[in-house]
Amino acid sequence: FARVAAPVPPTVYIPYAIAVLPTFKLSAIFVVFIGAFWPIFQN
């Protein structure tokens, strides 16, 4: 699963996160989390 999900650019989640999550701040935190999670997890 990680080999499939990790290479997906986190920027593609930005419009969807803004549409789904209630505030922009939560959307931005989610995108930052996704971008930082995979390198830390894999290492």
PDB file of all heavy atoms in Angstrom:
ATOM      1  N   PHE A   1       0.827  -1.203   0.000  1.00  0.00           N
ATOM      2  CA  PHE A   1       0.000   0.000   0.000  1.00  0.00           C
ATOM      3  C   PHE A   1       0.862   1.254   0.000  1.00  0.00           C
ATOM      4  O   PHE A   1       0.566   2.231  -0.711  1.00  0.00           O
ATOM      5  CB  PHE A   1      -0.923   0.001   1.217  1.00  0.00           C
ATOM      6  CG  PHE A   1      -1.652   1.301   1.415  1.00  0.00           C
ATOM      7  CD1 PHE A   1      -2.737   1.622   0.619  1.00  0.00           C
ATOM      8  CD2 PHE A   1      -1.238   2.203   2.385  1.00  0.00           C
ATOM      9  CE1 PHE A   1      -3.411   2.829   0.794  1.00  0.00           C
ATOM     10  CE2 PHE A   1      -1.906   3.404   2.564  1.00  0.00           C
ATOM     11  CZ  PHE A   1      -2.995   3.720   1.766  1.00  0.00           C
ATOM     12  N   ALA A   2       1.947   1.263   0.781  1.00  0.00           N
ATOM     13  CA  ALA A   2       2.822   2.432   0.853  1.00  0.00           C
ATOM     14  C   ALA A   2       3.479   2.715  -0.489  1.00  0.00           C
ATOM     15  O   ALA A   2       3.659   3.875  -0.869  1.00  0.00           O
ATOM     16  CB  ALA A   2       3.892   2.224   1.930  1.00  0.00           C
ATOM     17  N   ARG A   3       3.841   1.664  -1.233  1.00  0.00           N
ATOM     18  CA  ARG A   3       4.484   1.869  -2.533  1.00  0.00           C
ATOM     19  C   ARG A   3       3.530   2.521  -3.538  1.00  0.00           C
ATOM     20  O   ARG A   3       3.980   3.170  -4.485  1.00  0.00           O
ATOM     21  CB  ARG A   3       4.982   0.537  -3.080  1.00  0.00           C
ATOM     22  CG  ARG A   3       6.142  -0.058  -2.292  1.00  0.00           C
ATOM     23  CD  ARG A   3       6.762  -1.239  -3.017  1.00  0.00           C
ATOM     24  NE  ARG A   3       7.825  -1.834  -2.228  1.00  0.00           N
ATOM     25  CZ  ARG A   3       7.710  -2.936  -1.504  1.00  0.00           C
ATOM     26  NH1 ARG A   3       6.535  -3.567  -1.461  1.00  0.00           N
ATOM     27  NH2 ARG A   3       8.727  -3.415  -0.811  1.00  0.00           N
ATOM     28  N   VAL A   4       2.230   2.337  -3.336  1.00  0.00           N
ATOM     29  CA  VAL A   4       1.247   2.958  -4.227  1.00  0.00           C
ATOM     30  C   VAL A   4       0.882   4.360  -3.742  1.00  0.00           C
ATOM     31  O   VAL A   4       0.797   5.316  -4.536  1.00  0.00           O
ATOM     32  CB  VAL A   4      -0.022   2.086  -4.325  1.00  0.00           C
ATOM     33  CG1 VAL A   4      -1.096   2.800  -5.140  1.00  0.00           C
ATOM     34  CG2 VAL A   4       0.317   0.741  -4.949  1.00  0.00           C
ATOM     35  N   ALA A   5       0.674   4.528  -2.442  1.00  0.00           N
ATOM     36  CA  ALA A   5       0.177   5.800  -1.911  1.00  0.00           C
ATOM     37  C   ALA A   5       1.274   6.855  -1.774  1.00  0.00           C
ATOM     38  O   ALA A   5       1.020   8.046  -1.996  1.00  0.00           O
ATOM     39  CB  ALA A   5      -0.480   5.577  -0.549  1.00  0.00           C
ATOM     40  N   ALA A   6       2.485   6.453  -1.417  1.00  0.00           N
ATOM     41  CA  ALA A   6       3.540   7.437  -1.152  1.00  0.00           C
ATOM     42  C   ALA A   6       3.923   8.270  -2.373  1.00  0.00           C
ATOM     43  O   ALA A   6       4.155   9.478  -2.235  1.00  0.00           O
ATOM     44  CB  ALA A   6       4.769   6.731  -0.582  1.00  0.00           C
ATOM     45  N   PRO A   7       4.023   7.704  -3.579  1.00  0.00           N
ATOM     46  CA  PRO A   7       4.434   8.540  -4.715  1.00  0.00           C
ATOM     47  C   PRO A   7       3.376   9.530  -5.208  1.00  0.00           C
ATOM     48  O   PRO A   7       3.686  10.382  -6.046  1.00  0.00           O
ATOM     49  CB  PRO A   7       4.746   7.508  -5.818  1.00  0.00           C
ATOM     50  CG  PRO A   7       4.903   6.200  -5.126  1.00  0.00           C
ATOM     51  CD  PRO A   7       3.981   6.278  -3.960  1.00  0.00           C
ATOM     52  N   VAL A   8       2.131   9.439  -4.722  1.00  0.00           N
ATOM     53  CA  VAL A   8       1.091  10.371  -5.170  1.00  0.00           C
ATOM     54  C   VAL A   8       1.428  11.775  -4.671  1.00  0.00           C
ATOM     55  O   VAL A   8       1.605  11.973  -3.465  1.00  0.00           O
ATOM     56  CB  VAL A   8      -0.285   9.935  -4.653  1.00  0.00           C
ATOM     57  CG1 VAL A   8      -1.352  10.957  -5.059  1.00  0.00           C
ATOM     58  CG2 VAL A   8      -0.639   8.557  -5.179  1.00  0.00           C
ATOM     59  N   PRO A   9       1.537  12.775  -5.548  1.00  0.00           N
ATOM     60  CA  PRO A   9       1.870  14.131  -5.090  1.00  0.00           C
ATOM     61  C   PRO A   9       0.798  14.647  -4.122  1.00  0.00           C
ATOM     62  O   PRO A   9      -0.396  14.639  -4.447  1.00  0.00           O
ATOM     63  CB  PRO A   9       1.899  14.954  -6.381  1.00  0.00           C
ATOM     64  CG  PRO A   9       2.097  13.957  -7.468  1.00  0.00           C
ATOM     65  CD  PRO A   9       1.413  12.704  -7.018  1.00  0.00           C
ATOM     66  N   PRO A  10       1.201  15.094  -2.939  1.00  0.00           N
ATOM     67  CA  PRO A  10       0.196  15.583  -1.980  1.00  0.00           C
ATOM     68  C   PRO A  10      -0.588  16.789  -2.471  1.00  0.00           C
ATOM     69  O   PRO A  10      -1.675  17.063  -1.956  1.00  0.00           O
ATOM     70  CB  PRO A  10       1.043  15.942  -0.752  1.00  0.00           C
ATOM     71  CG  PRO A  10       2.293  15.145  -0.888  1.00  0.00           C
ATOM     72  CD  PRO A  10       2.554  15.060  -2.362  1.00  0.00           C
ATOM     73  N   THR A  11      -0.070  17.519  -3.464  1.00  0.00           N
ATOM     74  CA  THR A  11      -0.799  18.686  -3.956  1.00  0.00           C
ATOM     75  C   THR A  11      -2.137  18.315  -4.588  1.00  0.00           C
ATOM     76  O   THR A  11      -3.040  19.159  -4.642  1.00  0.00           O
ATOM     77  CB  THR A  11       0.060  19.438  -4.982  1.00  0.00           C
ATOM     78  OG1 THR A  11       0.540  18.526  -5.972  1.00  0.00           O
ATOM     79  CG2 THR A  11       1.255  20.098  -4.307  1.00  0.00           C
ATOM     80  N   VAL A  12      -2.271  17.071  -5.063  1.00  0.00           N
ATOM     81  CA  VAL A  12      -3.544  16.685  -5.679  1.00  0.00           C
ATOM     82  C   VAL A  12      -4.659  16.600  -4.645  1.00  0.00           C
ATOM     83  O   VAL A  12      -5.840  16.632  -5.002  1.00  0.00           O
ATOM     84  CB  VAL A  12      -3.413  15.339  -6.425  1.00  0.00           C
ATOM     85  CG1 VAL A  12      -2.324  15.391  -7.471  1.00  0.00           C
ATOM     86  CG2 VAL A  12      -3.151  14.191  -5.465  1.00  0.00           C
ATOM     87  N   TYR A  13      -4.293  16.517  -3.352  1.00  0.00           N
ATOM     88  CA  TYR A  13      -5.309  16.445  -2.308  1.00  0.00           C
ATOM     89  C   TYR A  13      -5.834  17.820  -1.911  1.00  0.00           C
ATOM     90  O   TYR A  13      -6.848  17.903  -1.199  1.00  0.00           O
ATOM     91  CB  TYR A  13      -4.748  15.766  -1.044  1.00  0.00           C
ATOM     92  CG  TYR A  13      -4.278  14.346  -1.252  1.00  0.00           C
ATOM     93  CD1 TYR A  13      -2.938  14.010  -1.095  1.00  0.00           C
ATOM     94  CD2 TYR A  13      -5.167  13.338  -1.584  1.00  0.00           C
ATOM     95  CE1 TYR A  13      -2.502  12.710  -1.273  1.00  0.00           C
ATOM     96  CE2 TYR A  13      -4.735  12.032  -1.769  1.00  0.00           C
ATOM     97  CZ  TYR A  13      -3.391  11.728  -1.613  1.00  0.00           C
ATOM     98  OH  TYR A  13      -2.965  10.443  -1.787  1.00  0.00           O
ATOM     99  N   ILE A  14      -5.155  18.888  -2.331  1.00  0.00           N
ATOM    100  CA  ILE A  14      -5.513  20.219  -1.828  1.00  0.00           C
ATOM    101  C   ILE A  14      -6.953  20.606  -2.188  1.00  0.00           C
ATOM    102  O   ILE A  14      -7.735  20.973  -1.296  1.00  0.00           O
ATOM    103  CB  ILE A  14      -4.507  21.271  -2.329  1.00  0.00           C
ATOM    104  CG1 ILE A  14      -3.122  21.002  -1.725  1.00  0.00           C
ATOM    105  CG2 ILE A  14      -4.973  22.673  -1.962  1.00  0.00           C
ATOM    106  CD1 ILE A  14      -2.046  21.947  -2.222  1.00  0.00           C
ATOM    107  N   PRO A  15      -7.378  20.557  -3.466  1.00  0.00           N
ATOM    108  CA  PRO A  15      -8.773  20.960  -3.758  1.00  0.00           C
ATOM    109  C   PRO A  15      -9.806  20.083  -3.046  1.00  0.00           C
ATOM    110  O   PRO A  15     -10.823  20.583  -2.545  1.00  0.00           O
ATOM    111  CB  PRO A  15      -8.867  20.805  -5.285  1.00  0.00           C
ATOM    112  CG  PRO A  15      -7.463  20.843  -5.766  1.00  0.00           C
ATOM    113  CD  PRO A  15      -6.649  20.207  -4.693  1.00  0.00           C
ATOM    114  N   TYR A  16      -9.522  18.779  -2.972  1.00  0.00           N
ATOM    115  CA  TYR A  16     -10.471  17.878  -2.311  1.00  0.00           C
ATOM    116  C   TYR A  16     -10.526  18.152  -0.809  1.00  0.00           C
ATOM    117  O   TYR A  16     -11.607  18.159  -0.210  1.00  0.00           O
ATOM    118  CB  TYR A  16     -10.054  16.438  -2.582  1.00  0.00           C
ATOM    119  CG  TYR A  16     -11.043  15.417  -2.064  1.00  0.00           C
ATOM    120  CD1 TYR A  16     -12.264  15.208  -2.697  1.00  0.00           C
ATOM    121  CD2 TYR A  16     -10.752  14.652  -0.932  1.00  0.00           C
ATOM    122  CE1 TYR A  16     -13.167  14.283  -2.225  1.00  0.00           C
ATOM    123  CE2 TYR A  16     -11.645  13.719  -0.453  1.00  0.00           C
ATOM    124  CZ  TYR A  16     -12.857  13.536  -1.102  1.00  0.00           C
ATOM    125  OH  TYR A  16     -13.748  12.614  -0.622  1.00  0.00           O
ATOM    126  N   ALA A  17      -9.353  18.384  -0.198  1.00  0.00           N
ATOM    127  CA  ALA A  17      -9.330  18.653   1.242  1.00  0.00           C
ATOM    128  C   ALA A  17     -10.061  19.949   1.560  1.00  0.00           C
ATOM    129  O   ALA A  17     -10.794  20.041   2.554  1.00  0.00           O
ATOM    130  CB  ALA A  17      -7.882  18.725   1.729  1.00  0.00           C
ATOM    131  N   ILE A  18      -9.890  20.972   0.714  1.00  0.00           N
ATOM    132  CA  ILE A  18     -10.588  22.236   0.946  1.00  0.00           C
ATOM    133  C   ILE A  18     -12.097  22.059   0.823  1.00  0.00           C
ATOM    134  O   ILE A  18     -12.885  22.677   1.556  1.00  0.00           O
ATOM    135  CB  ILE A  18     -10.069  23.306  -0.038  1.00  0.00           C
ATOM    136  CG1 ILE A  18      -8.612  23.658   0.293  1.00  0.00           C
ATOM    137  CG2 ILE A  18     -10.929  24.551  -0.002  1.00  0.00           C
ATOM    138  CD1 ILE A  18      -7.982  24.623  -0.672  1.00  0.00           C
ATOM    139  N   ALA A  19     -12.516  21.179  -0.098  1.00  0.00           N
ATOM    140  CA  ALA A  19     -13.949  20.956  -0.289  1.00  0.00           C
ATOM    141  C   ALA A  19     -14.561  20.124   0.830  1.00  0.00           C
ATOM    142  O   ALA A  19     -15.734  20.324   1.188  1.00  0.00           O
ATOM    143  CB  ALA A  19     -14.186  20.276  -1.639  1.00  0.00           C
ATOM    144  N   VAL A  20     -13.802  19.188   1.393  1.00  0.00           N
ATOM    145  CA  VAL A  20     -14.362  18.249   2.374  1.00  0.00           C
ATOM    146  C   VAL A  20     -14.232  18.767   3.798  1.00  0.00           C
ATOM    147  O   VAL A  20     -15.199  18.736   4.579  1.00  0.00           O
ATOM    148  CB  VAL A  20     -13.671  16.872   2.234  1.00  0.00           C
ATOM    149  CG1 VAL A  20     -14.082  15.940   3.371  1.00  0.00           C
ATOM    150  CG2 VAL A  20     -14.016  16.256   0.889  1.00  0.00           C
ATOM    151  N   LEU A  21     -13.059  19.249   4.167  1.00  0.00           N
ATOM    152  CA  LEU A  21     -12.843  19.669   5.551  1.00  0.00           C
ATOM    153  C   LEU A  21     -13.501  21.023   5.811  1.00  0.00           C
ATOM    154  O   LEU A  21     -13.631  21.843   4.908  1.00  0.00           O
ATOM    155  CB  LEU A  21     -11.336  19.730   5.836  1.00  0.00           C
ATOM    156  CG  LEU A  21     -10.636  18.364   5.757  1.00  0.00           C
ATOM    157  CD1 LEU A  21      -9.133  18.514   5.918  1.00  0.00           C
ATOM    158  CD2 LEU A  21     -11.193  17.409   6.804  1.00  0.00           C
ATOM    159  N   PRO A  22     -13.895  21.277   7.059  1.00  0.00           N
ATOM    160  CA  PRO A  22     -14.725  22.464   7.335  1.00  0.00           C
ATOM    161  C   PRO A  22     -13.988  23.791   7.207  1.00  0.00           C
ATOM    162  O   PRO A  22     -14.621  24.812   6.929  1.00  0.00           O
ATOM    163  CB  PRO A  22     -15.195  22.238   8.780  1.00  0.00           C
ATOM    164  CG  PRO A  22     -14.199  21.292   9.360  1.00  0.00           C
ATOM    165  CD  PRO A  22     -13.750  20.418   8.241  1.00  0.00           C
ATOM    166  N   THR A  23     -12.672  23.838   7.448  1.00  0.00           N
ATOM    167  CA  THR A  23     -11.934  25.095   7.382  1.00  0.00           C
ATOM    168  C   THR A  23     -10.694  24.925   6.517  1.00  0.00           C
ATOM    169  O   THR A  23     -10.189  23.812   6.339  1.00  0.00           O
ATOM    170  CB  THR A  23     -11.508  25.574   8.785  1.00  0.00           C
ATOM    171  OG1 THR A  23     -10.585  24.631   9.353  1.00  0.00           O
ATOM    172  CG2 THR A  23     -12.708  25.727   9.697  1.00  0.00           C
ATOM    173  N   PHE A  24     -10.214  26.058   6.010  1.00  0.00           N
ATOM    174  CA  PHE A  24      -8.983  26.016   5.220  1.00  0.00           C
ATOM    175  C   PHE A  24      -7.803  25.569   6.069  1.00  0.00           C
ATOM    176  O   PHE A  24      -6.917  24.846   5.595  1.00  0.00           O
ATOM    177  CB  PHE A  24      -8.691  27.395   4.621  1.00  0.00           C
ATOM    178  CG  PHE A  24      -7.310  27.505   4.061  1.00  0.00           C
ATOM    179  CD1 PHE A  24      -7.002  26.982   2.816  1.00  0.00           C
ATOM    180  CD2 PHE A  24      -6.291  28.116   4.791  1.00  0.00           C
ATOM    181  CE1 PHE A  24      -5.717  27.055   2.300  1.00  0.00           C
ATOM    182  CE2 PHE A  24      -5.014  28.207   4.289  1.00  0.00           C
ATOM    183  CZ  PHE A  24      -4.724  27.674   3.038  1.00  0.00           C
ATOM    184  N   LYS A  25      -7.766  25.985   7.323  1.00  0.00           N
ATOM    185  CA  LYS A  25      -6.639  25.638   8.177  1.00  0.00           C
ATOM    186  C   LYS A  25      -6.520  24.131   8.350  1.00  0.00           C
ATOM    187  O   LYS A  25      -5.415  23.565   8.267  1.00  0.00           O
ATOM    188  CB  LYS A  25      -6.785  26.326   9.536  1.00  0.00           C
ATOM    189  CG  LYS A  25      -5.539  26.244  10.402  1.00  0.00           C
ATOM    190  CD  LYS A  25      -5.673  27.162  11.599  1.00  0.00           C
ATOM    191  CE  LYS A  25      -4.382  27.197  12.398  1.00  0.00           C
ATOM    192  NZ  LYS A  25      -4.465  28.131  13.547  1.00  0.00           N
ATOM    193  N   LEU A  26      -7.636  23.454   8.582  1.00  0.00           N
ATOM    194  CA  LEU A  26      -7.607  22.002   8.699  1.00  0.00           C
ATOM    195  C   LEU A  26      -7.187  21.356   7.381  1.00  0.00           C
ATOM    196  O   LEU A  26      -6.456  20.355   7.372  1.00  0.00           O
ATOM    197  CB  LEU A  26      -8.977  21.480   9.126  1.00  0.00           C
ATOM    198  CG  LEU A  26      -9.379  21.723  10.585  1.00  0.00           C
ATOM    199  CD1 LEU A  26     -10.795  21.220  10.831  1.00  0.00           C
ATOM    200  CD2 LEU A  26      -8.396  21.046  11.533  1.00  0.00           C
ATOM    201  N   SER A  27      -7.621  21.920   6.282  1.00  0.00           N
ATOM    202  CA  SER A  27      -7.230  21.384   4.973  1.00  0.00           C
ATOM    203  C   SER A  27      -5.727  21.497   4.770  1.00  0.00           C
ATOM    204  O   SER A  27      -5.072  20.555   4.315  1.00  0.00           O
ATOM    205  CB  SER A  27      -7.975  22.130   3.860  1.00  0.00           C
ATOM    206  OG  SER A  27      -9.370  22.089   4.055  1.00  0.00           O
ATOM    207  N   ALA A  28      -5.165  22.666   5.100  1.00  0.00           N
ATOM    208  CA  ALA A  28      -3.731  22.857   4.932  1.00  0.00           C
ATOM    209  C   ALA A  28      -2.938  21.959   5.876  1.00  0.00           C
ATOM    210  O   ALA A  28      -1.895  21.410   5.486  1.00  0.00           O
ATOM    211  CB  ALA A  28      -3.376  24.328   5.178  1.00  0.00           C
ATOM    212  N   ILE A  29      -3.401  21.797   7.111  1.00  0.00           N
ATOM    213  CA  ILE A  29      -2.717  20.905   8.050  1.00  0.00           C
ATOM    214  C   ILE A  29      -2.725  19.479   7.522  1.00  0.00           C
ATOM    215  O   ILE A  29      -1.715  18.753   7.613  1.00  0.00           O
ATOM    216  CB  ILE A  29      -3.389  20.980   9.440  1.00  0.00           C
ATOM    217  CG1 ILE A  29      -3.106  22.337  10.090  1.00  0.00           C
ATOM    218  CG2 ILE A  29      -2.903  19.856  10.344  1.00  0.00           C
ATOM    219  CD1 ILE A  29      -3.848  22.559  11.388  1.00  0.00           C
ATOM    220  N   PHE A  30      -3.844  19.058   6.943  1.00  0.00           N
ATOM    221  CA  PHE A  30      -3.930  17.706   6.384  1.00  0.00           C
ATOM    222  C   PHE A  30      -2.938  17.515   5.241  1.00  0.00           C
ATOM    223  O   PHE A  30      -2.255  16.490   5.155  1.00  0.00           O
ATOM    224  CB  PHE A  30      -5.356  17.453   5.891  1.00  0.00           C
ATOM    225  CG  PHE A  30      -5.507  16.189   5.089  1.00  0.00           C
ATOM    226  CD1 PHE A  30      -5.531  14.954   5.714  1.00  0.00           C
ATOM    227  CD2 PHE A  30      -5.608  16.244   3.705  1.00  0.00           C
ATOM    228  CE1 PHE A  30      -5.659  13.788   4.971  1.00  0.00           C
ATOM    229  CE2 PHE A  30      -5.742  15.086   2.960  1.00  0.00           C
ATOM    230  CZ  PHE A  30      -5.762  13.855   3.589  1.00  0.00           C
ATOM    231  N   VAL A  31      -2.832  18.497   4.359  1.00  0.00           N
ATOM    232  CA  VAL A  31      -1.910  18.385   3.223  1.00  0.00           C
ATOM    233  C   VAL A  31      -0.462  18.352   3.706  1.00  0.00           C
ATOM    234  O   VAL A  31       0.351  17.562   3.217  1.00  0.00           O
ATOM    235  CB  VAL A  31      -2.147  19.545   2.242  1.00  0.00           C
ATOM    236  CG1 VAL A  31      -1.088  19.555   1.152  1.00  0.00           C
ATOM    237  CG2 VAL A  31      -3.531  19.429   1.617  1.00  0.00           C
ATOM    238  N   VAL A  32      -0.127  19.197   4.677  1.00  0.00           N
ATOM    239  CA  VAL A  32       1.230  19.177   5.239  1.00  0.00           C
ATOM    240  C   VAL A  32       1.508  17.831   5.889  1.00  0.00           C
ATOM    241  O   VAL A  32       2.607  17.267   5.746  1.00  0.00           O
ATOM    242  CB  VAL A  32       1.397  20.333   6.246  1.00  0.00           C
ATOM    243  CG1 VAL A  32       2.699  20.185   7.035  1.00  0.00           C
ATOM    244  CG2 VAL A  32       1.381  21.672   5.522  1.00  0.00           C
ATOM    245  N   PHE A  33       0.525  17.302   6.602  1.00  0.00           N
ATOM    246  CA  PHE A  33       0.686  15.992   7.247  1.00  0.00           C
ATOM    247  C   PHE A  33       0.959  14.901   6.216  1.00  0.00           C
ATOM    248  O   PHE A  33       1.873  14.085   6.391  1.00  0.00           O
ATOM    249  CB  PHE A  33      -0.575  15.661   8.049  1.00  0.00           C
ATOM    250  CG  PHE A  33      -0.664  14.217   8.442  1.00  0.00           C
ATOM    251  CD1 PHE A  33       0.086  13.722   9.487  1.00  0.00           C
ATOM    252  CD2 PHE A  33      -1.505  13.343   7.745  1.00  0.00           C
ATOM    253  CE1 PHE A  33       0.009  12.378   9.846  1.00  0.00           C
ATOM    254  CE2 PHE A  33      -1.590  12.018   8.091  1.00  0.00           C
ATOM    255  CZ  PHE A  33      -0.822  11.523   9.150  1.00  0.00           C
ATOM    256  N   ILE A  34       0.198  14.873   5.139  1.00  0.00           N
ATOM    257  CA  ILE A  34       0.392  13.841   4.120  1.00  0.00           C
ATOM    258  C   ILE A  34       1.784  13.946   3.492  1.00  0.00           C
ATOM    259  O   ILE A  34       2.475  12.954   3.281  1.00  0.00           O
ATOM    260  CB  ILE A  34      -0.697  13.958   3.034  1.00  0.00           C
ATOM    261  CG1 ILE A  34      -2.059  13.554   3.602  1.00  0.00           C
ATOM    262  CG2 ILE A  34      -0.371  13.072   1.831  1.00  0.00           C
ATOM    263  CD1 ILE A  34      -2.160  12.097   4.013  1.00  0.00           C
ATOM    264  N   GLY A  35       2.204  15.174   3.206  1.00  0.00           N
ATOM    265  CA  GLY A  35       3.503  15.350   2.575  1.00  0.00           C
ATOM    266  C   GLY A  35       4.654  14.939   3.461  1.00  0.00           C
ATOM    267  O   GLY A  35       5.666  14.429   2.973  1.00  0.00           O
ATOM    268  N   ALA A  36       4.550  15.167   4.775  1.00  0.00           N
ATOM    269  CA  ALA A  36       5.642  14.828   5.688  1.00  0.00           C
ATOM    270  C   ALA A  36       5.569  13.392   6.176  1.00  0.00           C
ATOM    271  O   ALA A  36       6.601  12.813   6.559  1.00  0.00           O
ATOM    272  CB  ALA A  36       5.618  15.783   6.883  1.00  0.00           C
ATOM    273  N   PHE A  37       4.378  12.795   6.170  1.00  0.00           N
ATOM    274  CA  PHE A  37       4.220  11.473   6.771  1.00  0.00           C
ATOM    275  C   PHE A  37       5.016  10.399   6.035  1.00  0.00           C
ATOM    276  O   PHE A  37       5.740   9.605   6.669  1.00  0.00           O
ATOM    277  CB  PHE A  37       2.732  11.091   6.802  1.00  0.00           C
ATOM    278  CG  PHE A  37       2.493   9.672   7.242  1.00  0.00           C
ATOM    279  CD1 PHE A  37       2.495   9.333   8.577  1.00  0.00           C
ATOM    280  CD2 PHE A  37       2.268   8.660   6.298  1.00  0.00           C
ATOM    281  CE1 PHE A  37       2.286   8.013   8.982  1.00  0.00           C
ATOM    282  CE2 PHE A  37       2.058   7.354   6.691  1.00  0.00           C
ATOM    283  CZ  PHE A  37       2.062   7.026   8.039  1.00  0.00           C
ATOM    284  N   TRP A  38       4.911  10.352   4.705  1.00  0.00           N
ATOM    285  CA  TRP A  38       5.492   9.222   3.989  1.00  0.00           C
ATOM    286  C   TRP A  38       7.011   9.167   4.070  1.00  0.00           C
ATOM    287  O   TRP A  38       7.571   8.079   4.285  1.00  0.00           O
ATOM    288  CB  TRP A  38       5.013   9.221   2.536  1.00  0.00           C
ATOM    289  CG  TRP A  38       3.581   8.832   2.397  1.00  0.00           C
ATOM    290  CD1 TRP A  38       2.554   9.596   1.945  1.00  0.00           C
ATOM    291  CD2 TRP A  38       2.998   7.560   2.742  1.00  0.00           C
ATOM    292  NE1 TRP A  38       1.366   8.905   1.981  1.00  0.00           N
ATOM    293  CE2 TRP A  38       1.617   7.641   2.463  1.00  0.00           C
ATOM    294  CE3 TRP A  38       3.512   6.378   3.261  1.00  0.00           C
ATOM    295  CZ2 TRP A  38       0.748   6.581   2.686  1.00  0.00           C
ATOM    296  CZ3 TRP A  38       2.647   5.322   3.483  1.00  0.00           C
ATOM    297  CH2 TRP A  38       1.285   5.422   3.197  1.00  0.00           C
ATOM    298  N   PRO A  39       7.748  10.274   3.923  1.00  0.00           N
ATOM    299  CA  PRO A  39       9.202  10.163   4.111  1.00  0.00           C
ATOM    300  C   PRO A  39       9.591   9.703   5.510  1.00  0.00           C
ATOM    301  O   PRO A  39      10.527   8.906   5.666  1.00  0.00           O
ATOM    302  CB  PRO A  39       9.703  11.592   3.833  1.00  0.00           C
ATOM    303  CG  PRO A  39       8.640  12.220   3.015  1.00  0.00           C
ATOM    304  CD  PRO A  39       7.351  11.617   3.473  1.00  0.00           C
ATOM    305  N   ILE A  40       8.873  10.208   6.522  1.00  0.00           N
ATOM    306  CA  ILE A  40       9.201   9.811   7.896  1.00  0.00           C
ATOM    307  C   ILE A  40       8.864   8.342   8.123  1.00  0.00           C
ATOM    308  O   ILE A  40       9.642   7.591   8.721  1.00  0.00           O
ATOM    309  CB  ILE A  40       8.451  10.712   8.897  1.00  0.00           C
ATOM    310  CG1 ILE A  40       8.903  12.161   8.728  1.00  0.00           C
ATOM    311  CG2 ILE A  40       8.680  10.246  10.321  1.00  0.00           C
ATOM    312  CD1 ILE A  40       8.098  13.159   9.545  1.00  0.00           C
ATOM    313  N   PHE A  41       7.699   7.915   7.635  1.00  0.00           N
ATOM    314  CA  PHE A  41       7.304   6.516   7.791  1.00  0.00           C
ATOM    315  C   PHE A  41       8.280   5.577   7.096  1.00  0.00           C
ATOM    316  O   PHE A  41       8.732   4.576   7.683  1.00  0.00           O
ATOM    317  CB  PHE A  41       5.892   6.327   7.227  1.00  0.00           C
ATOM    318  CG  PHE A  41       5.484   4.890   7.072  1.00  0.00           C
ATOM    319  CD1 PHE A  41       5.012   4.168   8.155  1.00  0.00           C
ATOM    320  CD2 PHE A  41       5.578   4.265   5.836  1.00  0.00           C
ATOM    321  CE1 PHE A  41       4.643   2.837   8.015  1.00  0.00           C
ATOM    322  CE2 PHE A  41       5.213   2.933   5.692  1.00  0.00           C
ATOM    323  CZ  PHE A  41       4.744   2.215   6.781  1.00  0.00           C
ATOM    324  N   GLN A  42       8.633   5.864   5.865  1.00  0.00           N
ATOM    325  CA  GLN A  42       9.501   4.971   5.101  1.00  0.00           C
ATOM    326  C   GLN A  42      10.901   4.904   5.692  1.00  0.00           C
ATOM    327  O   GLN A  42      11.494   3.824   5.765  1.00  0.00           O
ATOM    328  CB  GLN A  42       9.550   5.429   3.642  1.00  0.00           C
ATOM    329  CG  GLN A  42       8.238   5.205   2.906  1.00  0.00           C
ATOM    330  CD  GLN A  42       8.274   5.749   1.480  1.00  0.00           C
ATOM    331  OE1 GLN A  42       8.865   6.791   1.218  1.00  0.00           O
ATOM    332  NE2 GLN A  42       7.634   5.055   0.562  1.00  0.00           N
ATOM    333  N   ASN A  43      11.422   6.034   6.129  1.00  0.00           N
ATOM    334  CA  ASN A  43      12.757   6.010   6.724  1.00  0.00           C
ATOM    335  C   ASN A  43      12.754   5.333   8.095  1.00  0.00           C
ATOM    336  O   ASN A  43      13.721   4.641   8.447  1.00  0.00           O
ATOM    337  CB  ASN A  43      13.303   7.435   6.835  1.00  0.00           C
ATOM    338  CG  ASN A  43      13.879   7.938   5.535  1.00  0.00           C
ATOM    339  OD1 ASN A  43      15.056   7.780   5.249  1.00  0.00           O
ATOM    340  ND2 ASN A  43      13.040   8.562   4.731  1.00  0.00           N
TER     341      ASN A  43
END
